[in-house]
Every structure is written in structure tokens, then in C-alpha cells.
Amino acid sequence: MTSDEALLVLSERDPVGVALKPLAPGDIVHGIAIRTAIQPGHKVALRNLDAGEPILKYGHPIGITTAPVQ
């Protein structure tokens, strides 16, 4: 699947988007190649994230990465 409608980015400040549909390895959304299966409602990193980096949703922190995310 190649569709930007499969991923919702709530704020331009957010480093993650929310999957709106099931995503499979090899799908391309927002120019990002999906590596593992992702269920609707789960987050997708929009860029590489370092360990200890805040995760923002709606532009507000909701957690911190515990390991690097690619």
C-alpha cells in the first residue's frame, strides 16, 4: 500500500503519526517504508528518534523513547 491517508499526523511538531489502517512491511506512507506490521491506532516514527527523546502527540509530550527508533 502507498497512501498518505493511512497515517494521521496530528501536529507538525509530532515526531510520530497514528496508523489509521493496518500497515504491512513494505508499505510506504508519508515517504516512510514500514518495516514491521502496525495495527490501527499505533504510532509510526516520522524520523529517526534518539533514546531519551520525547514523543509528542498533538504537540504535547506523551512519553520518552527508551531506545533509538529508526
PDB file of N, CA and C in Angstrom:
ATOM      1  N   MET A   1       0.847  -1.175   0.000  1.00  0.00           N
ATOM      2  CA  MET A   1       0.000   0.000   0.000  1.00  0.00           C
ATOM      3  C   MET A   1       0.892   1.238   0.000  1.00  0.00           C
ATOM      4  N   THR A   2       0.523   2.213  -0.761  1.00  0.00           N
ATOM      5  CA  THR A   2       1.189   3.512  -0.728  1.00  0.00           C
ATOM      6  C   THR A   2       0.082   4.545  -0.558  1.00  0.00           C
ATOM      7  N   SER A   3      -0.024   5.111   0.640  1.00  0.00           N
ATOM      8  CA  SER A   3      -1.102   6.064   0.886  1.00  0.00           C
ATOM      9  C   SER A   3      -0.784   6.937   2.079  1.00  0.00           C
ATOM     10  N   ASP A   4      -0.842   8.244   1.855  1.00  0.00           N
ATOM     11  CA  ASP A   4      -0.660   9.159   2.978  1.00  0.00           C
ATOM     12  C   ASP A   4      -1.917   9.217   3.838  1.00  0.00           C
ATOM     13  N   GLU A   5      -3.039   8.683   3.344  1.00  0.00           N
ATOM     14  CA  GLU A   5      -4.278   8.665   4.115  1.00  0.00           C
ATOM     15  C   GLU A   5      -4.270   7.555   5.169  1.00  0.00           C
ATOM     16  N   ALA A   6      -3.266   6.693   5.172  1.00  0.00           N
ATOM     17  CA  ALA A   6      -3.174   5.599   6.128  1.00  0.00           C
ATOM     18  C   ALA A   6      -2.526   6.033   7.433  1.00  0.00           C
ATOM     19  N   LEU A   7      -2.010   7.262   7.483  1.00  0.00           N
ATOM     20  CA  LEU A   7      -1.291   7.749   8.659  1.00  0.00           C
ATOM     21  C   LEU A   7      -1.750   9.165   8.974  1.00  0.00           C
ATOM     22  N   LEU A   8      -2.158   9.392  10.217  1.00  0.00           N
ATOM     23  CA  LEU A   8      -2.618  10.697  10.656  1.00  0.00           C
ATOM     24  C   LEU A   8      -1.527  11.381  11.464  1.00  0.00           C
ATOM     25  N   VAL A   9      -1.109  12.550  11.000  1.00  0.00           N
ATOM     26  CA  VAL A   9      -0.138  13.365  11.730  1.00  0.00           C
ATOM     27  C   VAL A   9      -0.940  14.491  12.372  1.00  0.00           C
ATOM     28  N   LEU A  10      -0.985  14.499  13.700  1.00  0.00           N
ATOM     29  CA  LEU A  10      -1.861  15.410  14.424  1.00  0.00           C
ATOM     30  C   LEU A  10      -1.305  16.824  14.539  1.00  0.00           C
ATOM     31  N   SER A  11       0.026  16.964  14.566  1.00  0.00           N
ATOM     32  CA  SER A  11       0.666  18.274  14.677  1.00  0.00           C
ATOM     33  C   SER A  11       1.989  18.216  13.931  1.00  0.00           C
ATOM     34  N   GLU A  12       2.365  19.302  13.283  1.00  0.00           N
ATOM     35  CA  GLU A  12       3.644  19.327  12.575  1.00  0.00           C
ATOM     36  C   GLU A  12       4.818  19.177  13.541  1.00  0.00           C
ATOM     37  N   ARG A  13       4.607  19.373  14.832  1.00  0.00           N
ATOM     38  CA  ARG A  13       5.656  19.203  15.844  1.00  0.00           C
ATOM     39  C   ARG A  13       5.835  17.737  16.247  1.00  0.00           C
ATOM     40  N   ASP A  14       4.848  16.889  15.952  1.00  0.00           N
ATOM     41  CA  ASP A  14       4.890  15.488  16.377  1.00  0.00           C
ATOM     42  C   ASP A  14       5.920  14.695  15.578  1.00  0.00           C
ATOM     43  N   PRO A  15       6.772  13.907  16.247  1.00  0.00           N
ATOM     44  CA  PRO A  15       7.706  13.047  15.530  1.00  0.00           C
ATOM     45  C   PRO A  15       7.075  11.706  15.152  1.00  0.00           C
ATOM     46  N   VAL A  16       5.786  11.535  15.448  1.00  0.00           N
ATOM     47  CA  VAL A  16       5.077  10.293  15.143  1.00  0.00           C
ATOM     48  C   VAL A  16       3.744  10.610  14.482  1.00  0.00           C
ATOM     49  N   GLY A  17       3.247   9.629  13.759  1.00  0.00           N
ATOM     50  CA  GLY A  17       1.898   9.671  13.215  1.00  0.00           C
ATOM     51  C   GLY A  17       1.146   8.463  13.745  1.00  0.00           C
ATOM     52  N   VAL A  18      -0.176   8.482  13.608  1.00  0.00           N
ATOM     53  CA  VAL A  18      -1.017   7.392  14.089  1.00  0.00           C
ATOM     54  C   VAL A  18      -1.547   6.615  12.887  1.00  0.00           C
ATOM     55  N   ALA A  19      -1.343   5.305  12.889  1.00  0.00           N
ATOM     56  CA  ALA A  19      -1.837   4.463  11.795  1.00  0.00           C
ATOM     57  C   ALA A  19      -3.362   4.441  11.820  1.00  0.00           C
ATOM     58  N   LEU A  20      -3.970   4.718  10.668  1.00  0.00           N
ATOM     59  CA  LEU A  20      -5.427   4.685  10.538  1.00  0.00           C
ATOM     60  C   LEU A  20      -5.908   3.355   9.970  1.00  0.00           C
ATOM     61  N   LYS A  21      -4.996   2.629   9.349  1.00  0.00           N
ATOM     62  CA  LYS A  21      -5.291   1.337   8.734  1.00  0.00           C
ATOM     63  C   LYS A  21      -4.161   0.392   9.110  1.00  0.00           C
ATOM     64  N   PRO A  22      -4.381  -0.919   8.997  1.00  0.00           N
ATOM     65  CA  PRO A  22      -3.255  -1.828   9.212  1.00  0.00           C
ATOM     66  C   PRO A  22      -2.164  -1.543   8.181  1.00  0.00           C
ATOM     67  N   LEU A  23      -0.927  -1.497   8.634  1.00  0.00           N
ATOM     68  CA  LEU A  23       0.218  -1.264   7.757  1.00  0.00           C
ATOM     69  C   LEU A  23       1.086  -2.517   7.760  1.00  0.00           C
ATOM     70  N   ALA A  24       1.588  -2.871   6.596  1.00  0.00           N
ATOM     71  CA  ALA A  24       2.398  -4.081   6.444  1.00  0.00           C
ATOM     72  C   ALA A  24       3.816  -3.706   6.036  1.00  0.00           C
ATOM     73  N   PRO A  25       4.776  -4.586   6.331  1.00  0.00           N
ATOM     74  CA  PRO A  25       6.148  -4.328   5.876  1.00  0.00           C
ATOM     75  C   PRO A  25       6.165  -4.071   4.362  1.00  0.00           C
ATOM     76  N   GLY A  26       6.875  -3.024   3.982  1.00  0.00           N
ATOM     77  CA  GLY A  26       6.962  -2.649   2.575  1.00  0.00           C
ATOM     78  C   GLY A  26       5.997  -1.553   2.172  1.00  0.00           C
ATOM     79  N   ASP A  27       4.943  -1.308   2.979  1.00  0.00           N
ATOM     80  CA  ASP A  27       4.048  -0.190   2.690  1.00  0.00           C
ATOM     81  C   ASP A  27       4.840   1.111   2.786  1.00  0.00           C
ATOM     82  N   ILE A  28       4.467   2.090   1.985  1.00  0.00           N
ATOM     83  CA  ILE A  28       5.093   3.414   2.023  1.00  0.00           C
ATOM     84  C   ILE A  28       4.013   4.419   2.412  1.00  0.00           C
ATOM     85  N   VAL A  29       4.211   5.111   3.525  1.00  0.00           N
ATOM     86  CA  VAL A  29       3.287   6.156   3.962  1.00  0.00           C
ATOM     87  C   VAL A  29       4.095   7.379   4.360  1.00  0.00           C
ATOM     88  N   HIS A  30       3.690   8.538   3.900  1.00  0.00           N
ATOM     89  CA  HIS A  30       4.410   9.795   4.169  1.00  0.00           C
ATOM     90  C   HIS A  30       5.892   9.661   3.812  1.00  0.00           C
ATOM     91  N   GLY A  31       6.191   8.903   2.767  1.00  0.00           N
ATOM     92  CA  GLY A  31       7.569   8.715   2.324  1.00  0.00           C
ATOM     93  C   GLY A  31       8.386   7.787   3.205  1.00  0.00           C
ATOM     94  N   ILE A  32       7.729   7.080   4.119  1.00  0.00           N
ATOM     95  CA  ILE A  32       8.411   6.200   5.065  1.00  0.00           C
ATOM     96  C   ILE A  32       8.096   4.754   4.709  1.00  0.00           C
ATOM     97  N   ALA A  33       9.123   3.923   4.622  1.00  0.00           N
ATOM     98  CA  ALA A  33       8.926   2.493   4.370  1.00  0.00           C
ATOM     99  C   ALA A  33       8.637   1.802   5.700  1.00  0.00           C
ATOM    100  N   ILE A  34       7.504   1.153   5.790  1.00  0.00           N
ATOM    101  CA  ILE A  34       7.120   0.438   7.006  1.00  0.00           C
ATOM    102  C   ILE A  34       7.936  -0.857   7.087  1.00  0.00           C
ATOM    103  N   ARG A  35       8.523  -1.120   8.270  1.00  0.00           N
ATOM    104  CA  ARG A  35       9.405  -2.286   8.448  1.00  0.00           C
ATOM    105  C   ARG A  35       8.706  -3.467   9.107  1.00  0.00           C
ATOM    106  N   THR A  36       7.744  -3.193   9.984  1.00  0.00           N
ATOM    107  CA  THR A  36       7.027  -4.256  10.694  1.00  0.00           C
ATOM    108  C   THR A  36       5.532  -3.965  10.633  1.00  0.00           C
ATOM    109  N   ALA A  37       4.720  -4.987  10.858  1.00  0.00           N
ATOM    110  CA  ALA A  37       3.265  -4.809  10.851  1.00  0.00           C
ATOM    111  C   ALA A  37       2.867  -3.829  11.953  1.00  0.00           C
ATOM    112  N   ILE A  38       1.972  -2.911  11.621  1.00  0.00           N
ATOM    113  CA  ILE A  38       1.496  -1.898  12.568  1.00  0.00           C
ATOM    114  C   ILE A  38      -0.025  -1.881  12.503  1.00  0.00           C
ATOM    115  N   GLN A  39      -0.655  -2.030  13.654  1.00  0.00           N
ATOM    116  CA  GLN A  39      -2.114  -2.053  13.725  1.00  0.00           C
ATOM    117  C   GLN A  39      -2.670  -0.627  13.845  1.00  0.00           C
ATOM    118  N   PRO A  40      -3.908  -0.404  13.417  1.00  0.00           N
ATOM    119  CA  PRO A  40      -4.530   0.917  13.546  1.00  0.00           C
ATOM    120  C   PRO A  40      -4.461   1.413  14.998  1.00  0.00           C
ATOM    121  N   GLY A  41      -4.191   2.694  15.148  1.00  0.00           N
ATOM    122  CA  GLY A  41      -4.090   3.308  16.471  1.00  0.00           C
ATOM    123  C   GLY A  41      -2.677   3.342  17.024  1.00  0.00           C
ATOM    124  N   HIS A  42      -1.789   2.534  16.463  1.00  0.00           N
ATOM    125  CA  HIS A  42      -0.396   2.529  16.921  1.00  0.00           C
ATOM    126  C   HIS A  42       0.390   3.631  16.209  1.00  0.00           C
ATOM    127  N   LYS A  43       1.503   4.032  16.801  1.00  0.00           N
ATOM    128  CA  LYS A  43       2.296   5.141  16.276  1.00  0.00           C
ATOM    129  C   LYS A  43       3.386   4.669  15.324  1.00  0.00           C
ATOM    130  N   VAL A  44       3.723   5.560  14.396  1.00  0.00           N
ATOM    131  CA  VAL A  44       4.792   5.334  13.426  1.00  0.00           C
ATOM    132  C   VAL A  44       5.752   6.513  13.528  1.00  0.00           C
ATOM    133  N   ALA A  45       7.037   6.236  13.713  1.00  0.00           N
ATOM    134  CA  ALA A  45       8.030   7.319  13.768  1.00  0.00           C
ATOM    135  C   ALA A  45       8.138   7.961  12.386  1.00  0.00           C
ATOM    136  N   LEU A  46       8.120   9.273  12.342  1.00  0.00           N
ATOM    137  CA  LEU A  46       8.233  10.025  11.090  1.00  0.00           C
ATOM    138  C   LEU A  46       9.687  10.345  10.752  1.00  0.00           C
ATOM    139  N   ARG A  47      10.571  10.119  11.708  1.00  0.00           N
ATOM    140  CA  ARG A  47      12.005  10.345  11.527  1.00  0.00           C
ATOM    141  C   ARG A  47      12.724   9.489  12.557  1.00  0.00           C
ATOM    142  N   ASN A  48      14.033   9.375  12.437  1.00  0.00           N
ATOM    143  CA  ASN A  48      14.813   8.647  13.443  1.00  0.00           C
ATOM    144  C   ASN A  48      14.721   9.387  14.771  1.00  0.00           C
ATOM    145  N   LEU A  49      14.573   8.620  15.851  1.00  0.00           N
ATOM    146  CA  LEU A  49      14.473   9.204  17.192  1.00  0.00           C
ATOM    147  C   LEU A  49      15.576   8.620  18.058  1.00  0.00           C
ATOM    148  N   ASP A  50      16.206   9.456  18.856  1.00  0.00           N
ATOM    149  CA  ASP A  50      17.248   9.013  19.779  1.00  0.00           C
ATOM    150  C   ASP A  50      16.622   8.502  21.066  1.00  0.00           C
ATOM    151  N   ALA A  51      17.336   7.648  21.779  1.00  0.00           N
ATOM    152  CA  ALA A  51      16.898   7.206  23.105  1.00  0.00           C
ATOM    153  C   ALA A  51      16.793   8.435  24.004  1.00  0.00           C
ATOM    154  N   GLY A  52      15.739   8.503  24.796  1.00  0.00           N
ATOM    155  CA  GLY A  52      15.535   9.627  25.707  1.00  0.00           C
ATOM    156  C   GLY A  52      14.835  10.814  25.079  1.00  0.00           C
ATOM    157  N   GLU A  53      14.457  10.691  23.805  1.00  0.00           N
ATOM    158  CA  GLU A  53      13.782  11.794  23.114  1.00  0.00           C
ATOM    159  C   GLU A  53      12.287  11.782  23.436  1.00  0.00           C
ATOM    160  N   PRO A  54      11.700  12.959  23.699  1.00  0.00           N
ATOM    161  CA  PRO A  54      10.265  12.995  23.984  1.00  0.00           C
ATOM    162  C   PRO A  54       9.437  12.632  22.748  1.00  0.00           C
ATOM    163  N   ILE A  55       8.356  11.908  22.991  1.00  0.00           N
ATOM    164  CA  ILE A  55       7.368  11.609  21.950  1.00  0.00           C
ATOM    165  C   ILE A  55       6.232  12.605  22.144  1.00  0.00           C
ATOM    166  N   LEU A  56       5.903  13.317  21.084  1.00  0.00           N
ATOM    167  CA  LEU A  56       4.838  14.308  21.150  1.00  0.00           C
ATOM    168  C   LEU A  56       3.612  13.818  20.401  1.00  0.00           C
ATOM    169  N   LYS A  57       2.439  14.092  20.943  1.00  0.00           N
ATOM    170  CA  LYS A  57       1.169  13.831  20.272  1.00  0.00           C
ATOM    171  C   LYS A  57       0.328  15.079  20.506  1.00  0.00           C
ATOM    172  N   TYR A  58      -0.236  15.610  19.455  1.00  0.00           N
ATOM    173  CA  TYR A  58      -0.920  16.911  19.497  1.00  0.00           C
ATOM    174  C   TYR A  58       0.054  17.997  19.956  1.00  0.00           C
ATOM    175  N   GLY A  59       1.353  17.796  19.734  1.00  0.00           N
ATOM    176  CA  GLY A  59       2.363  18.773  20.119  1.00  0.00           C
ATOM    177  C   GLY A  59       2.727  18.736  21.587  1.00  0.00           C
ATOM    178  N   HIS A  60       2.194  17.749  22.345  1.00  0.00           N
ATOM    179  CA  HIS A  60       2.453  17.649  23.786  1.00  0.00           C
ATOM    180  C   HIS A  60       3.139  16.324  24.099  1.00  0.00           C
ATOM    181  N   PRO A  61       4.068  16.316  25.074  1.00  0.00           N
ATOM    182  CA  PRO A  61       4.778  15.082  25.399  1.00  0.00           C
ATOM    183  C   PRO A  61       3.837  14.026  25.981  1.00  0.00           C
ATOM    184  N   ILE A  62       3.971  12.794  25.462  1.00  0.00           N
ATOM    185  CA  ILE A  62       3.183  11.678  25.999  1.00  0.00           C
ATOM    186  C   ILE A  62       4.098  10.541  26.464  1.00  0.00           C
ATOM    187  N   GLY A  63       5.382  10.692  26.270  1.00  0.00           N
ATOM    188  CA  GLY A  63       6.329   9.664  26.685  1.00  0.00           C
ATOM    189  C   GLY A  63       7.720   9.990  26.197  1.00  0.00           C
ATOM    190  N   ILE A  64       8.641   9.089  26.473  1.00  0.00           N
ATOM    191  CA  ILE A  64      10.047   9.258  26.098  1.00  0.00           C
ATOM    192  C   ILE A  64      10.529   7.927  25.523  1.00  0.00           C
ATOM    193  N   THR A  65      11.292   7.980  24.442  1.00  0.00           N
ATOM    194  CA  THR A  65      11.822   6.751  23.872  1.00  0.00           C
ATOM    195  C   THR A  65      12.826   6.121  24.851  1.00  0.00           C
ATOM    196  N   THR A  66      12.804   4.800  24.910  1.00  0.00           N
ATOM    197  CA  THR A  66      13.741   4.094  25.785  1.00  0.00           C
ATOM    198  C   THR A  66      14.920   3.526  25.006  1.00  0.00           C
ATOM    199  N   ALA A  67      14.796   3.551  23.675  1.00  0.00           N
ATOM    200  CA  ALA A  67      15.846   3.055  22.789  1.00  0.00           C
ATOM    201  C   ALA A  67      15.749   3.847  21.494  1.00  0.00           C
ATOM    202  N   PRO A  68      16.802   3.861  20.686  1.00  0.00           N
ATOM    203  CA  PRO A  68      16.712   4.540  19.401  1.00  0.00           C
ATOM    204  C   PRO A  68      15.611   3.920  18.535  1.00  0.00           C
ATOM    205  N   VAL A  69      14.930   4.753  17.764  1.00  0.00           N
ATOM    206  CA  VAL A  69      13.859   4.311  16.854  1.00  0.00           C
ATOM    207  C   VAL A  69      14.235   4.756  15.457  1.00  0.00           C
ATOM    208  N   GLN A  70      14.211   3.821  14.521  1.00  0.00           N
ATOM    209  CA  GLN A  70      14.517   4.153  13.128  1.00  0.00           C
ATOM    210  C   GLN A  70      13.285   3.987  12.280  1.00  0.00           C
TER     211      GLN A  70
END
